[in-house]
C-alpha cells in the first residue's frame, strides 16, 4: 500500500513561508500585533518549561534612535551603512535568551527559542507580515548587550526584522529528504 500525503493547512504555511529581507511597504507593524503573535509563538516546546526567552520591541517611533545606537558600535566608516540597514524594516523584535548553566541546558534553551522563533515566523506569515531572523555581528557585541541591558546570564539570539510586503520572494527548493535520511543498521 502506498502512502499518499495530503498537505494540511499547516504544511502549506510551512512550505509557503519565506524570509522577507527587503521590499517592505509603508504599513506599520504595531506592538499589539507582535504581542498577539508572541502569545501563540511561546507555546513552543521548552525543556523543563524554562521558557528562556524575552523580547524587546522596536517600533517606528523608536527605530531611528535604536538604529543610531546600534550602528554606533561599529567602526565609523560602517556606521551609516548599519544605521540605514537597521532602518529598512518596519519594526524589529530583539530576542534574548537565558543561558543554561551547563552545555545541555544552553543547547535546550537555544532549541526552544529557535522553535519559538519559527512559530512566530509562521504565525506572522499567516497574517501577511514578513519576518527574517538576523544574526549580524552586532548581536555578539558586548556594547550592544550593554545598550539593550542584556544580563550576564543572557545572550541575544537575533534581531527579527519585520514588515509588511507586496511581493514574496520565489521559493528555493530543498534537498529531498531521501538524500538526507538513512535507516540505522547494525553491523
Protein backbone atom coordinates (compact mmCIF):
# COMPACT_ATOMS: atom_id res chain seq x y z
CA UNK A 1 0.00 0.00 0.00
CA UNK A 2 1.42 3.37 -0.99
CA UNK A 3 1.01 6.30 1.39
CA UNK A 4 -0.24 9.46 -0.29
CA UNK A 5 0.17 12.57 1.81
CA UNK A 6 -2.46 15.27 1.73
CA UNK A 7 -0.96 18.64 2.57
CA UNK A 8 -2.65 20.19 5.56
CA UNK A 9 -3.10 23.92 6.03
CA UNK A 10 -0.14 23.89 8.43
CA UNK A 11 2.05 22.08 5.89
CA UNK A 12 1.04 24.62 3.24
CA UNK A 13 2.02 27.54 5.51
CA UNK A 14 5.34 25.88 6.39
CA UNK A 15 6.14 25.38 2.70
CA UNK A 16 5.00 28.84 1.59
CA UNK A 17 6.72 30.88 4.33
CA UNK A 18 9.62 32.98 3.12
CA UNK A 19 12.13 35.16 4.90
CA UNK A 20 11.33 38.73 3.89
CA UNK A 21 14.66 40.56 3.88
CA UNK A 22 13.68 43.71 1.98
CA UNK A 23 10.89 45.27 -0.03
CA UNK A 24 8.83 46.26 2.99
CA UNK A 25 5.91 48.58 2.29
CA UNK A 26 4.81 51.51 4.47
CA UNK A 27 2.25 49.62 6.54
CA UNK A 28 3.12 49.98 10.22
CA UNK A 29 3.89 46.95 12.42
CA UNK A 30 2.28 47.53 15.79
CA UNK A 31 3.46 46.30 19.15
CA UNK A 32 -0.06 44.90 19.60
CA UNK A 33 0.16 42.55 16.59
CA UNK A 34 3.65 41.42 17.64
CA UNK A 35 2.42 40.76 21.19
CA UNK A 36 -0.57 38.84 19.84
CA UNK A 37 1.68 36.67 17.65
CA UNK A 38 4.08 36.07 20.55
CA UNK A 39 1.19 34.91 22.78
CA UNK A 40 0.84 31.91 20.44
CA UNK A 41 4.52 31.55 19.45
CA UNK A 42 5.62 30.93 23.05
CA UNK A 43 3.75 27.61 23.03
CA UNK A 44 6.91 26.12 21.51
CA UNK A 45 8.44 23.04 23.12
CA UNK A 46 10.61 24.11 26.04
CA UNK A 47 12.65 21.77 28.23
CA UNK A 48 11.62 21.92 31.85
CA UNK A 49 9.12 24.66 30.94
CA UNK A 50 12.03 27.12 31.30
CA UNK A 51 10.64 29.42 28.61
CA UNK A 52 14.08 31.03 28.33
CA UNK A 53 13.14 33.99 26.12
CA UNK A 54 12.36 37.64 26.48
CA UNK A 55 11.82 40.35 23.89
CA UNK A 56 12.46 43.99 23.10
CA UNK A 57 10.11 45.57 20.56
CA UNK A 58 11.45 48.40 18.42
CA UNK A 59 8.66 50.19 16.58
CA UNK A 60 8.72 53.07 14.15
CA UNK A 61 8.84 55.67 16.94
CA UNK A 62 11.99 54.16 18.47
CA UNK A 63 13.67 52.82 15.34
CA UNK A 64 15.83 55.79 14.30
CA UNK A 65 17.31 56.17 17.80
CA UNK A 66 17.73 52.39 18.10
CA UNK A 67 19.47 52.16 14.70
CA UNK A 68 21.80 55.04 15.55
CA UNK A 69 22.75 53.50 18.92
CA UNK A 70 23.41 50.02 17.49
CA UNK A 71 25.28 51.46 14.48
CA UNK A 72 27.50 53.47 16.84
CA UNK A 73 29.10 50.19 17.98
CA UNK A 74 30.60 49.70 14.50
CA UNK A 75 33.75 51.39 13.16
CA UNK A 76 32.97 54.92 11.98
CA UNK A 77 33.22 54.07 8.28
CA UNK A 78 30.47 51.40 8.64
CA UNK A 79 28.08 53.30 10.90
CA UNK A 80 25.92 54.96 8.23
CA UNK A 81 25.56 51.66 6.36
CA UNK A 82 24.48 49.84 9.54
CA UNK A 83 22.13 52.65 10.54
CA UNK A 84 20.44 52.56 7.12
CA UNK A 85 20.24 48.76 7.32
CA UNK A 86 18.54 48.83 10.73
CA UNK A 87 16.04 51.40 9.46
CA UNK A 88 14.94 49.23 6.48
CA UNK A 89 12.38 47.03 8.27
CA UNK A 90 9.17 48.48 9.66
CA UNK A 91 9.94 47.11 13.13
CA UNK A 92 12.49 44.93 14.91
CA UNK A 93 12.00 42.36 17.63
CA UNK A 94 15.14 41.59 19.63
CA UNK A 95 15.05 38.05 21.01
CA UNK A 96 17.09 37.47 24.16
CA UNK A 97 17.64 34.05 25.68
CA UNK A 98 18.59 32.96 29.17
CA UNK A 99 21.81 30.96 29.04
CA UNK A 100 21.78 27.49 30.53
CA UNK A 101 24.03 26.79 33.48
CA UNK A 102 25.62 23.92 31.53
CA UNK A 103 26.04 22.97 27.84
CA UNK A 104 22.97 20.70 27.82
CA UNK A 105 20.66 23.37 29.24
CA UNK A 106 22.16 26.03 26.98
CA UNK A 107 21.50 23.83 23.92
CA UNK A 108 17.98 23.10 25.16
CA UNK A 109 17.30 26.81 25.70
CA UNK A 110 18.58 27.65 22.24
CA UNK A 111 16.48 24.88 20.69
CA UNK A 112 13.36 26.08 22.48
CA UNK A 113 14.00 29.68 21.48
CA UNK A 114 14.60 28.68 17.85
CA UNK A 115 11.29 26.74 17.87
CA UNK A 116 9.52 29.79 19.30
CA UNK A 117 11.02 31.98 16.57
CA UNK A 118 9.84 29.53 13.88
CA UNK A 119 6.36 29.61 15.42
CA UNK A 120 6.47 33.41 15.32
CA UNK A 121 7.57 33.43 11.68
CA UNK A 122 4.78 31.05 10.67
CA UNK A 123 2.13 32.98 12.58
CA UNK A 124 3.38 36.26 11.09
CA UNK A 125 3.34 34.77 7.58
CA UNK A 126 -0.26 33.72 8.11
CA UNK A 127 -1.02 37.42 8.81
CA UNK A 128 0.98 38.51 5.73
CA UNK A 129 3.68 40.01 7.94
CA UNK A 130 7.19 39.31 6.69
CA UNK A 131 9.96 38.32 9.09
CA UNK A 132 13.62 37.48 8.74
CA UNK A 133 15.82 36.24 11.60
CA UNK A 134 19.06 38.23 11.54
CA UNK A 135 22.24 37.19 13.34
CA UNK A 136 24.54 40.03 12.33
CA UNK A 137 27.84 40.55 14.23
CA UNK A 138 26.30 43.20 16.48
CA UNK A 139 24.24 40.59 18.36
CA UNK A 140 27.53 39.29 19.81
CA UNK A 141 28.94 42.70 20.69
CA UNK A 142 29.19 43.45 24.45
CA UNK A 143 28.48 47.13 23.69
CA UNK A 144 25.15 46.16 22.08
CA UNK A 145 24.39 43.90 25.05
CA UNK A 146 25.01 46.88 27.32
CA UNK A 147 22.76 49.16 25.23
CA UNK A 148 19.98 46.55 25.40
CA UNK A 149 20.61 45.74 29.08
CA UNK A 150 21.30 42.07 28.40
CA UNK A 151 22.13 40.35 31.68
CA UNK A 152 25.28 38.29 32.34
CA UNK A 153 23.25 35.06 32.15
CA UNK A 154 21.59 36.07 28.84
CA UNK A 155 22.51 36.33 25.18
CA UNK A 156 20.95 37.90 22.12
CA UNK A 157 19.67 35.21 19.76
CA UNK A 158 18.78 37.56 16.94
CA UNK A 159 17.02 40.60 15.64
CA UNK A 160 13.77 39.72 13.85
CA UNK A 161 13.32 42.30 11.10
CA UNK A 162 9.63 42.68 10.28
CA UNK A 163 7.46 44.43 7.76
CA UNK A 164 4.50 44.03 5.51
CA UNK A 165 5.37 43.40 1.88
CA UNK A 166 3.79 43.47 -1.56
CA UNK A 167 5.67 40.62 -3.24
CA UNK A 168 7.11 37.45 -1.71
CA UNK A 169 10.43 36.09 -2.93
CA UNK A 170 10.46 32.98 -5.08
CA UNK A 171 10.75 29.69 -3.24
CA UNK A 172 14.10 27.96 -3.13
CA UNK A 173 13.94 24.21 -3.47
CA UNK A 174 15.02 22.00 -0.60
CA UNK A 175 17.29 18.98 -0.85
CA UNK A 176 14.99 15.94 -0.92
CA UNK A 177 14.74 14.25 2.47
CA UNK A 178 15.68 10.89 0.96
CA UNK A 179 19.15 12.32 0.29
CA UNK A 180 19.49 13.18 3.99
CA UNK A 181 17.81 10.14 5.59
CA UNK A 182 19.35 6.78 6.37
CA UNK A 183 17.96 3.84 8.28
CA UNK A 184 20.10 2.61 11.15
CA UNK A 185 21.52 -0.84 10.55
CA UNK A 186 23.59 -2.98 12.89
CA UNK A 187 26.91 -4.16 11.55
